[in-house]
Amino acid sequence: MITGTSIFFLIAGALTGLVIPAAAAGARDLGLGMRWWKWLLAGAWYLLLLFFVFMDFTIIGEGEPAAGMKMLLFQGVILIILGVGLVRVLRAGRKRKSS
């Protein structure tokens, strides 16, 4: 039986399948010089994003919208802070393009 939850996870999985090659192409275009540990950090951040979104909207769907929105706000701040740190780490080894 197809439910709203299964459709949501199907869409999230399909989008993840598009994010992976797009991330590789974007890193190559920006000249980030990605190593395995940088890919690991970026993948961990993305998995944390998915986990937070799934968890928060599940709580909202279970009838606790106030708690879900508070968690979404709190975790959003955490993701932004971690994302800024990740961008700084990724840009640290960036190769400059000569004009």
PDB file of N, CA and C in Angstrom:
ATOM      1  N   MET A   1       0.834  -1.172   0.000  1.00  0.00           N
ATOM      2  CA  MET A   1       0.000   0.000   0.000  1.00  0.00           C
ATOM      3  C   MET A   1       0.886   1.245   0.000  1.00  0.00           C
ATOM      4  N   ILE A   2       0.582   2.161  -0.868  1.00  0.00           N
ATOM      5  CA  ILE A   2       1.352   3.393  -0.974  1.00  0.00           C
ATOM      6  C   ILE A   2       0.734   4.429  -0.033  1.00  0.00           C
ATOM      7  N   THR A   3       1.593   4.967   0.826  1.00  0.00           N
ATOM      8  CA  THR A   3       1.139   6.001   1.752  1.00  0.00           C
ATOM      9  C   THR A   3       1.899   7.291   1.471  1.00  0.00           C
ATOM     10  N   GLY A   4       1.483   8.348   2.134  1.00  0.00           N
ATOM     11  CA  GLY A   4       2.176   9.622   1.977  1.00  0.00           C
ATOM     12  C   GLY A   4       3.615   9.545   2.438  1.00  0.00           C
ATOM     13  N   THR A   5       3.856   8.753   3.490  1.00  0.00           N
ATOM     14  CA  THR A   5       5.216   8.608   4.010  1.00  0.00           C
ATOM     15  C   THR A   5       6.118   7.912   3.006  1.00  0.00           C
ATOM     16  N   SER A   6       5.610   6.854   2.376  1.00  0.00           N
ATOM     17  CA  SER A   6       6.454   6.138   1.416  1.00  0.00           C
ATOM     18  C   SER A   6       6.756   6.997   0.195  1.00  0.00           C
ATOM     19  N   ILE A   7       5.812   7.824  -0.218  1.00  0.00           N
ATOM     20  CA  ILE A   7       6.062   8.724  -1.348  1.00  0.00           C
ATOM     21  C   ILE A   7       7.110   9.766  -0.968  1.00  0.00           C
ATOM     22  N   PHE A   8       7.020  10.265   0.260  1.00  0.00           N
ATOM     23  CA  PHE A   8       8.000  11.246   0.731  1.00  0.00           C
ATOM     24  C   PHE A   8       9.407  10.660   0.712  1.00  0.00           C
ATOM     25  N   PHE A   9       9.566   9.436   1.235  1.00  0.00           N
ATOM     26  CA  PHE A   9      10.883   8.817   1.266  1.00  0.00           C
ATOM     27  C   PHE A   9      11.362   8.462  -0.138  1.00  0.00           C
ATOM     28  N   LEU A  10      10.462   8.127  -1.044  1.00  0.00           N
ATOM     29  CA  LEU A  10      10.823   7.867  -2.431  1.00  0.00           C
ATOM     30  C   LEU A  10      11.377   9.134  -3.077  1.00  0.00           C
ATOM     31  N   ILE A  11      10.714  10.248  -2.852  1.00  0.00           N
ATOM     32  CA  ILE A  11      11.169  11.522  -3.416  1.00  0.00           C
ATOM     33  C   ILE A  11      12.509  11.925  -2.801  1.00  0.00           C
ATOM     34  N   ALA A  12      12.644  11.763  -1.475  1.00  0.00           N
ATOM     35  CA  ALA A  12      13.907  12.112  -0.809  1.00  0.00           C
ATOM     36  C   ALA A  12      15.053  11.254  -1.343  1.00  0.00           C
ATOM     37  N   GLY A  13      14.816   9.979  -1.559  1.00  0.00           N
ATOM     38  CA  GLY A  13      15.850   9.108  -2.111  1.00  0.00           C
ATOM     39  C   GLY A  13      16.221   9.480  -3.531  1.00  0.00           C
ATOM     40  N   ALA A  14      15.219   9.822  -4.342  1.00  0.00           N
ATOM     41  CA  ALA A  14      15.491  10.235  -5.723  1.00  0.00           C
ATOM     42  C   ALA A  14      16.295  11.529  -5.754  1.00  0.00           C
ATOM     43  N   LEU A  15      15.952  12.467  -4.881  1.00  0.00           N
ATOM     44  CA  LEU A  15      16.704  13.719  -4.836  1.00  0.00           C
ATOM     45  C   LEU A  15      18.133  13.490  -4.353  1.00  0.00           C
ATOM     46  N   THR A  16      18.324  12.558  -3.425  1.00  0.00           N
ATOM     47  CA  THR A  16      19.672  12.230  -2.974  1.00  0.00           C
ATOM     48  C   THR A  16      20.483  11.653  -4.125  1.00  0.00           C
ATOM     49  N   GLY A  17      19.839  10.856  -4.963  1.00  0.00           N
ATOM     50  CA  GLY A  17      20.514  10.321  -6.139  1.00  0.00           C
ATOM     51  C   GLY A  17      20.942  11.411  -7.102  1.00  0.00           C
ATOM     52  N   LEU A  18      20.252  12.541  -7.102  1.00  0.00           N
ATOM     53  CA  LEU A  18      20.642  13.670  -7.946  1.00  0.00           C
ATOM     54  C   LEU A  18      21.687  14.561  -7.272  1.00  0.00           C
ATOM     55  N   VAL A  19      21.660  14.616  -5.946  1.00  0.00           N
ATOM     56  CA  VAL A  19      22.589  15.469  -5.205  1.00  0.00           C
ATOM     57  C   VAL A  19      24.022  14.967  -5.334  1.00  0.00           C
ATOM     58  N   ILE A  20      24.226  13.663  -5.322  1.00  0.00           N
ATOM     59  CA  ILE A  20      25.584  13.103  -5.320  1.00  0.00           C
ATOM     60  C   ILE A  20      26.365  13.493  -6.579  1.00  0.00           C
ATOM     61  N   PRO A  21      25.856  13.249  -7.797  1.00  0.00           N
ATOM     62  CA  PRO A  21      26.641  13.675  -8.963  1.00  0.00           C
ATOM     63  C   PRO A  21      26.733  15.201  -9.087  1.00  0.00           C
ATOM     64  N   ALA A  22      25.705  15.916  -8.623  1.00  0.00           N
ATOM     65  CA  ALA A  22      25.757  17.380  -8.674  1.00  0.00           C
ATOM     66  C   ALA A  22      26.831  17.919  -7.732  1.00  0.00           C
ATOM     67  N   ALA A  23      26.985  17.293  -6.572  1.00  0.00           N
ATOM     68  CA  ALA A  23      28.026  17.715  -5.627  1.00  0.00           C
ATOM     69  C   ALA A  23      29.411  17.478  -6.218  1.00  0.00           C
ATOM     70  N   ALA A  24      29.587  16.355  -6.879  1.00  0.00           N
ATOM     71  CA  ALA A  24      30.892  16.071  -7.497  1.00  0.00           C
ATOM     72  C   ALA A  24      31.206  17.079  -8.599  1.00  0.00           C
ATOM     73  N   ALA A  25      30.220  17.380  -9.429  1.00  0.00           N
ATOM     74  CA  ALA A  25      30.436  18.351 -10.504  1.00  0.00           C
ATOM     75  C   ALA A  25      30.672  19.752  -9.945  1.00  0.00           C
ATOM     76  N   GLY A  26      29.940  20.120  -8.924  1.00  0.00           N
ATOM     77  CA  GLY A  26      30.112  21.442  -8.322  1.00  0.00           C
ATOM     78  C   GLY A  26      31.476  21.601  -7.672  1.00  0.00           C
ATOM     79  N   ALA A  27      31.925  20.578  -6.968  1.00  0.00           N
ATOM     80  CA  ALA A  27      33.242  20.632  -6.338  1.00  0.00           C
ATOM     81  C   ALA A  27      34.340  20.741  -7.386  1.00  0.00           C
ATOM     82  N   ARG A  28      34.174  20.018  -8.473  1.00  0.00           N
ATOM     83  CA  ARG A  28      35.169  20.077  -9.553  1.00  0.00           C
ATOM     84  C   ARG A  28      35.171  21.471 -10.197  1.00  0.00           C
ATOM     85  N   ASP A  29      33.990  22.037 -10.443  1.00  0.00           N
ATOM     86  CA  ASP A  29      33.912  23.361 -11.064  1.00  0.00           C
ATOM     87  C   ASP A  29      34.480  24.461 -10.171  1.00  0.00           C
ATOM     88  N   LEU A  30      34.316  24.321  -8.860  1.00  0.00           N
ATOM     89  CA  LEU A  30      34.828  25.321  -7.923  1.00  0.00           C
ATOM     90  C   LEU A  30      36.295  25.112  -7.583  1.00  0.00           C
ATOM     91  N   GLY A  31      36.871  24.004  -8.035  1.00  0.00           N
ATOM     92  CA  GLY A  31      38.273  23.718  -7.773  1.00  0.00           C
ATOM     93  C   GLY A  31      38.560  23.484  -6.298  1.00  0.00           C
ATOM     94  N   LEU A  32      37.690  22.744  -5.622  1.00  0.00           N
ATOM     95  CA  LEU A  32      37.823  22.561  -4.184  1.00  0.00           C
ATOM     96  C   LEU A  32      38.884  21.549  -3.786  1.00  0.00           C
ATOM     97  N   GLY A  33      39.345  20.719  -4.672  1.00  0.00           N
ATOM     98  CA  GLY A  33      40.374  19.741  -4.325  1.00  0.00           C
ATOM     99  C   GLY A  33      39.894  18.790  -3.241  1.00  0.00           C
ATOM    100  N   MET A  34      38.808  18.119  -3.505  1.00  0.00           N
ATOM    101  CA  MET A  34      38.169  17.260  -2.501  1.00  0.00           C
ATOM    102  C   MET A  34      38.991  16.000  -2.262  1.00  0.00           C
ATOM    103  N   ARG A  35      39.232  15.713  -1.001  1.00  0.00           N
ATOM    104  CA  ARG A  35      39.861  14.467  -0.559  1.00  0.00           C
ATOM    105  C   ARG A  35      38.775  13.602   0.060  1.00  0.00           C
ATOM    106  N   TRP A  36      39.122  12.376   0.418  1.00  0.00           N
ATOM    107  CA  TRP A  36      38.117  11.451   0.951  1.00  0.00           C
ATOM    108  C   TRP A  36      37.517  11.971   2.248  1.00  0.00           C
ATOM    109  N   TRP A  37      38.325  12.625   3.086  1.00  0.00           N
ATOM    110  CA  TRP A  37      37.801  13.081   4.365  1.00  0.00           C
ATOM    111  C   TRP A  37      36.881  14.289   4.196  1.00  0.00           C
ATOM    112  N   LYS A  38      37.108  15.092   3.142  1.00  0.00           N
ATOM    113  CA  LYS A  38      36.198  16.197   2.871  1.00  0.00           C
ATOM    114  C   LYS A  38      34.860  15.668   2.359  1.00  0.00           C
ATOM    115  N   TRP A  39      34.916  14.620   1.540  1.00  0.00           N
ATOM    116  CA  TRP A  39      33.668  13.996   1.088  1.00  0.00           C
ATOM    117  C   TRP A  39      32.920  13.389   2.270  1.00  0.00           C
ATOM    118  N   LEU A  40      33.668  12.803   3.201  1.00  0.00           N
ATOM    119  CA  LEU A  40      33.058  12.220   4.389  1.00  0.00           C
ATOM    120  C   LEU A  40      32.362  13.290   5.234  1.00  0.00           C
ATOM    121  N   LEU A  41      33.007  14.440   5.420  1.00  0.00           N
ATOM    122  CA  LEU A  41      32.393  15.535   6.168  1.00  0.00           C
ATOM    123  C   LEU A  41      31.147  16.064   5.466  1.00  0.00           C
ATOM    124  N   ALA A  42      31.227  16.240   4.143  1.00  0.00           N
ATOM    125  CA  ALA A  42      30.073  16.734   3.393  1.00  0.00           C
ATOM    126  C   ALA A  42      28.926  15.721   3.437  1.00  0.00           C
ATOM    127  N   GLY A  43      29.235  14.442   3.310  1.00  0.00           N
ATOM    128  CA  GLY A  43      28.207  13.407   3.386  1.00  0.00           C
ATOM    129  C   GLY A  43      27.574  13.325   4.762  1.00  0.00           C
ATOM    130  N   ALA A  44      28.386  13.487   5.807  1.00  0.00           N
ATOM    131  CA  ALA A  44      27.848  13.469   7.173  1.00  0.00           C
ATOM    132  C   ALA A  44      26.913  14.654   7.400  1.00  0.00           C
ATOM    133  N   TRP A  45      27.271  15.833   6.874  1.00  0.00           N
ATOM    134  CA  TRP A  45      26.400  17.001   7.012  1.00  0.00           C
ATOM    135  C   TRP A  45      25.077  16.761   6.283  1.00  0.00           C
ATOM    136  N   TYR A  46      25.146  16.180   5.093  1.00  0.00           N
ATOM    137  CA  TYR A  46      23.931  15.917   4.319  1.00  0.00           C
ATOM    138  C   TYR A  46      23.044  14.882   5.021  1.00  0.00           C
ATOM    139  N   LEU A  47      23.644  13.838   5.571  1.00  0.00           N
ATOM    140  CA  LEU A  47      22.863  12.841   6.310  1.00  0.00           C
ATOM    141  C   LEU A  47      22.233  13.440   7.561  1.00  0.00           C
ATOM    142  N   LEU A  48      22.946  14.334   8.224  1.00  0.00           N
ATOM    143  CA  LEU A  48      22.393  15.024   9.385  1.00  0.00           C
ATOM    144  C   LEU A  48      21.215  15.896   8.974  1.00  0.00           C
ATOM    145  N   LEU A  49      21.328  16.568   7.835  1.00  0.00           N
ATOM    146  CA  LEU A  49      20.217  17.363   7.306  1.00  0.00           C
ATOM    147  C   LEU A  49      18.995  16.489   7.067  1.00  0.00           C
ATOM    148  N   LEU A  50      19.187  15.357   6.388  1.00  0.00           N
ATOM    149  CA  LEU A  50      18.066  14.454   6.124  1.00  0.00           C
ATOM    150  C   LEU A  50      17.456  13.925   7.415  1.00  0.00           C
ATOM    151  N   PHE A  51      18.300  13.531   8.362  1.00  0.00           N
ATOM    152  CA  PHE A  51      17.810  13.012   9.637  1.00  0.00           C
ATOM    153  C   PHE A  51      16.977  14.052  10.368  1.00  0.00           C
ATOM    154  N   PHE A  52      17.468  15.283  10.428  1.00  0.00           N
ATOM    155  CA  PHE A  52      16.730  16.339  11.116  1.00  0.00           C
ATOM    156  C   PHE A  52      15.392  16.613  10.442  1.00  0.00           C
ATOM    157  N   VAL A  53      15.382  16.693   9.121  1.00  0.00           N
ATOM    158  CA  VAL A  53      14.129  16.963   8.401  1.00  0.00           C
ATOM    159  C   VAL A  53      13.139  15.824   8.617  1.00  0.00           C
ATOM    160  N   PHE A  54      13.589  14.583   8.476  1.00  0.00           N
ATOM    161  CA  PHE A  54      12.691  13.448   8.671  1.00  0.00           C
ATOM    162  C   PHE A  54      12.148  13.423  10.094  1.00  0.00           C
ATOM    163  N   MET A  55      13.019  13.632  11.072  1.00  0.00           N
ATOM    164  CA  MET A  55      12.608  13.561  12.466  1.00  0.00           C
ATOM    165  C   MET A  55      11.631  14.689  12.808  1.00  0.00           C
ATOM    166  N   ASP A  56      11.953  15.902  12.419  1.00  0.00           N
ATOM    167  CA  ASP A  56      11.111  17.037  12.777  1.00  0.00           C
ATOM    168  C   ASP A  56       9.729  16.957  12.140  1.00  0.00           C
ATOM    169  N   PHE A  57       9.669  16.612  10.873  1.00  0.00           N
ATOM    170  CA  PHE A  57       8.367  16.546  10.219  1.00  0.00           C
ATOM    171  C   PHE A  57       7.575  15.315  10.639  1.00  0.00           C
ATOM    172  N   THR A  58       8.237  14.284  11.100  1.00  0.00           N
ATOM    173  CA  THR A  58       7.524  13.153  11.688  1.00  0.00           C
ATOM    174  C   THR A  58       6.855  13.580  12.986  1.00  0.00           C
ATOM    175  N   ILE A  59       7.570  14.343  13.795  1.00  0.00           N
ATOM    176  CA  ILE A  59       6.989  14.837  15.042  1.00  0.00           C
ATOM    177  C   ILE A  59       5.818  15.768  14.752  1.00  0.00           C
ATOM    178  N   ILE A  60       5.947  16.618  13.756  1.00  0.00           N
ATOM    179  CA  ILE A  60       4.843  17.503  13.379  1.00  0.00           C
ATOM    180  C   ILE A  60       3.653  16.675  12.909  1.00  0.00           C
ATOM    181  N   GLY A  61       3.920  15.651  12.117  1.00  0.00           N
ATOM    182  CA  GLY A  61       2.848  14.792  11.611  1.00  0.00           C
ATOM    183  C   GLY A  61       2.178  13.952  12.680  1.00  0.00           C
ATOM    184  N   GLU A  62       2.867  13.700  13.781  1.00  0.00           N
ATOM    185  CA  GLU A  62       2.301  12.924  14.881  1.00  0.00           C
ATOM    186  C   GLU A  62       1.418  13.765  15.795  1.00  0.00           C
ATOM    187  N   GLY A  63       1.230  15.025  15.453  1.00  0.00           N
ATOM    188  CA  GLY A  63       0.315  15.862  16.220  1.00  0.00           C
ATOM    189  C   GLY A  63       0.985  16.763  17.237  1.00  0.00           C
ATOM    190  N   GLU A  64       2.271  16.979  17.116  1.00  0.00           N
ATOM    191  CA  GLU A  64       3.000  17.874  18.017  1.00  0.00           C
ATOM    192  C   GLU A  64       3.672  18.977  17.202  1.00  0.00           C
ATOM    193  N   PRO A  65       2.879  19.851  16.575  1.00  0.00           N
ATOM    194  CA  PRO A  65       3.490  20.860  15.701  1.00  0.00           C
ATOM    195  C   PRO A  65       4.375  21.864  16.431  1.00  0.00           C
ATOM    196  N   ALA A  66       4.021  22.227  17.647  1.00  0.00           N
ATOM    197  CA  ALA A  66       4.844  23.208  18.378  1.00  0.00           C
ATOM    198  C   ALA A  66       6.227  22.630  18.674  1.00  0.00           C
ATOM    199  N   ALA A  67       6.257  21.387  19.148  1.00  0.00           N
ATOM    200  CA  ALA A  67       7.545  20.750  19.454  1.00  0.00           C
ATOM    201  C   ALA A  67       8.357  20.542  18.182  1.00  0.00           C
ATOM    202  N   GLY A  68       7.705  20.130  17.100  1.00  0.00           N
ATOM    203  CA  GLY A  68       8.417  19.913  15.840  1.00  0.00           C
ATOM    204  C   GLY A  68       9.011  21.186  15.282  1.00  0.00           C
ATOM    205  N   MET A  69       8.262  22.281  15.377  1.00  0.00           N
ATOM    206  CA  MET A  69       8.776  23.550  14.856  1.00  0.00           C
ATOM    207  C   MET A  69       9.924  24.082  15.713  1.00  0.00           C
ATOM    208  N   LYS A  70       9.835  23.897  17.040  1.00  0.00           N
ATOM    209  CA  LYS A  70      10.932  24.319  17.911  1.00  0.00           C
ATOM    210  C   LYS A  70      12.197  23.519  17.593  1.00  0.00           C
ATOM    211  N   MET A  71      12.033  22.211  17.411  1.00  0.00           N
ATOM    212  CA  MET A  71      13.194  21.385  17.068  1.00  0.00           C
ATOM    213  C   MET A  71      13.750  21.766  15.709  1.00  0.00           C
ATOM    214  N   LEU A  72      12.866  22.053  14.754  1.00  0.00           N
ATOM    215  CA  LEU A  72      13.303  22.449  13.418  1.00  0.00           C
ATOM    216  C   LEU A  72      14.111  23.736  13.482  1.00  0.00           C
ATOM    217  N   LEU A  73      13.677  24.693  14.282  1.00  0.00           N
ATOM    218  CA  LEU A  73      14.394  25.948  14.435  1.00  0.00           C
ATOM    219  C   LEU A  73      15.745  25.726  15.109  1.00  0.00           C
ATOM    220  N   PHE A  74      15.753  24.993  16.198  1.00  0.00           N
ATOM    221  CA  PHE A  74      16.993  24.720  16.928  1.00  0.00           C
ATOM    222  C   PHE A  74      17.988  23.948  16.066  1.00  0.00           C
ATOM    223  N   GLN A  75      17.510  22.901  15.403  1.00  0.00           N
ATOM    224  CA  GLN A  75      18.394  22.097  14.572  1.00  0.00           C
ATOM    225  C   GLN A  75      18.810  22.849  13.313  1.00  0.00           C
ATOM    226  N   GLY A  76      17.962  23.750  12.837  1.00  0.00           N
ATOM    227  CA  GLY A  76      18.335  24.583  11.697  1.00  0.00           C
ATOM    228  C   GLY A  76      19.527  25.466  12.013  1.00  0.00           C
ATOM    229  N   VAL A  77      19.533  26.029  13.226  1.00  0.00           N
ATOM    230  CA  VAL A  77      20.665  26.850  13.655  1.00  0.00           C
ATOM    231  C   VAL A  77      21.938  25.995  13.714  1.00  0.00           C
ATOM    232  N   ILE A  78      21.812  24.784  14.254  1.00  0.00           N
ATOM    233  CA  ILE A  78      22.962  23.877  14.319  1.00  0.00           C
ATOM    234  C   ILE A  78      23.468  23.549  12.920  1.00  0.00           C
ATOM    235  N   LEU A  79      22.555  23.262  11.992  1.00  0.00           N
ATOM    236  CA  LEU A  79      22.964  22.937  10.622  1.00  0.00           C
ATOM    237  C   LEU A  79      23.633  24.119   9.929  1.00  0.00           C
ATOM    238  N   ILE A  80      23.147  25.319  10.180  1.00  0.00           N
ATOM    239  CA  ILE A  80      23.761  26.500   9.564  1.00  0.00           C
ATOM    240  C   ILE A  80      25.176  26.690  10.094  1.00  0.00           C
ATOM    241  N   ILE A  81      25.356  26.561  11.398  1.00  0.00           N
ATOM    242  CA  ILE A  81      26.690  26.711  11.984  1.00  0.00           C
ATOM    243  C   ILE A  81      27.645  25.645  11.437  1.00  0.00           C
ATOM    244  N   LEU A  82      27.186  24.390  11.417  1.00  0.00           N
ATOM    245  CA  LEU A  82      28.029  23.318  10.881  1.00  0.00           C
ATOM    246  C   LEU A  82      28.287  23.502   9.384  1.00  0.00           C
ATOM    247  N   GLY A  83      27.290  24.005   8.650  1.00  0.00           N
ATOM    248  CA  GLY A  83      27.454  24.240   7.217  1.00  0.00           C
ATOM    249  C   GLY A  83      28.479  25.322   6.919  1.00  0.00           C
ATOM    250  N   VAL A  84      28.457  26.395   7.712  1.00  0.00           N
ATOM    251  CA  VAL A  84      29.451  27.455   7.531  1.00  0.00           C
ATOM    252  C   VAL A  84      30.851  26.919   7.821  1.00  0.00           C
ATOM    253  N   GLY A  85      30.975  26.131   8.880  1.00  0.00           N
ATOM    254  CA  GLY A  85      32.268  25.518   9.184  1.00  0.00           C
ATOM    255  C   GLY A  85      32.731  24.594   8.076  1.00  0.00           C
ATOM    256  N   LEU A  86      31.800  23.818   7.516  1.00  0.00           N
ATOM    257  CA  LEU A  86      32.140  22.910   6.421  1.00  0.00           C
ATOM    258  C   LEU A  86      32.607  23.683   5.195  1.00  0.00           C
ATOM    259  N   VAL A  87      31.937  24.758   4.866  1.00  0.00           N
ATOM    260  CA  VAL A  87      32.342  25.569   3.715  1.00  0.00           C
ATOM    261  C   VAL A  87      33.739  26.145   3.925  1.00  0.00           C
ATOM    262  N   ARG A  88      34.025  26.588   5.126  1.00  0.00           N
ATOM    263  CA  ARG A  88      35.364  27.125   5.414  1.00  0.00           C
ATOM    264  C   ARG A  88      36.438  26.049   5.264  1.00  0.00           C
ATOM    265  N   VAL A  89      36.128  24.832   5.717  1.00  0.00           N
ATOM    266  CA  VAL A  89      37.089  23.729   5.585  1.00  0.00           C
ATOM    267  C   VAL A  89      37.278  23.380   4.109  1.00  0.00           C
ATOM    268  N   LEU A  90      36.191  23.333   3.352  1.00  0.00           N
ATOM    269  CA  LEU A  90      36.285  22.973   1.935  1.00  0.00           C
ATOM    270  C   LEU A  90      37.033  24.032   1.134  1.00  0.00           C
ATOM    271  N   ARG A  91      36.839  25.290   1.473  1.00  0.00           N
ATOM    272  CA  ARG A  91      37.494  26.363   0.733  1.00  0.00           C
ATOM    273  C   ARG A  91      38.961  26.548   1.131  1.00  0.00           C
ATOM    274  N   ALA A  92      39.382  25.968   2.240  1.00  0.00           N
ATOM    275  CA  ALA A  92      40.756  26.143   2.704  1.00  0.00           C
ATOM    276  C   ALA A  92      41.762  25.581   1.699  1.00  0.00           C
ATOM    277  N   GLY A  93      41.441  24.487   1.038  1.00  0.00           N
ATOM    278  CA  GLY A  93      42.361  23.886   0.080  1.00  0.00           C
ATOM    279  C   GLY A  93      42.009  24.209  -1.353  1.00  0.00           C
ATOM    280  N   ARG A  94      41.279  25.282  -1.557  1.00  0.00           N
ATOM    281  CA  ARG A  94      40.787  25.628  -2.890  1.00  0.00           C
ATOM    282  C   ARG A  94      41.927  26.069  -3.798  1.00  0.00           C
ATOM    283  N   LYS A  95      41.870  25.581  -5.012  1.00  0.00           N
ATOM    284  CA  LYS A  95      42.848  25.978  -6.024  1.00  0.00           C
ATOM    285  C   LYS A  95      42.336  27.242  -6.712  1.00  0.00           C
ATOM    286  N   ARG A  96      43.179  28.247  -6.790  1.00  0.00           N
ATOM    287  CA  ARG A  96      42.790  29.516  -7.424  1.00  0.00           C
ATOM    288  C   ARG A  96      42.872  29.371  -8.943  1.00  0.00           C
ATOM    289  N   LYS A  97      41.847  29.883  -9.606  1.00  0.00           N
ATOM    290  CA  LYS A  97      41.863  29.885 -11.068  1.00  0.00           C
ATOM    291  C   LYS A  97      42.636  31.093 -11.549  1.00  0.00           C
ATOM    292  N   SER A  98      43.542  30.879 -12.489  1.00  0.00           N
ATOM    293  CA  SER A  98      44.294  32.015 -13.046  1.00  0.00           C
ATOM    294  C   SER A  98      43.498  32.640 -14.183  1.00  0.00           C
ATOM    295  N   SER A  99      43.461  33.964 -14.211  1.00  0.00           N
ATOM    296  CA  SER A  99      42.664  34.668 -15.225  1.00  0.00           C
ATOM    297  C   SER A  99      43.485  35.011 -16.430  1.00  0.00           C
TER     298      SER A  99
END
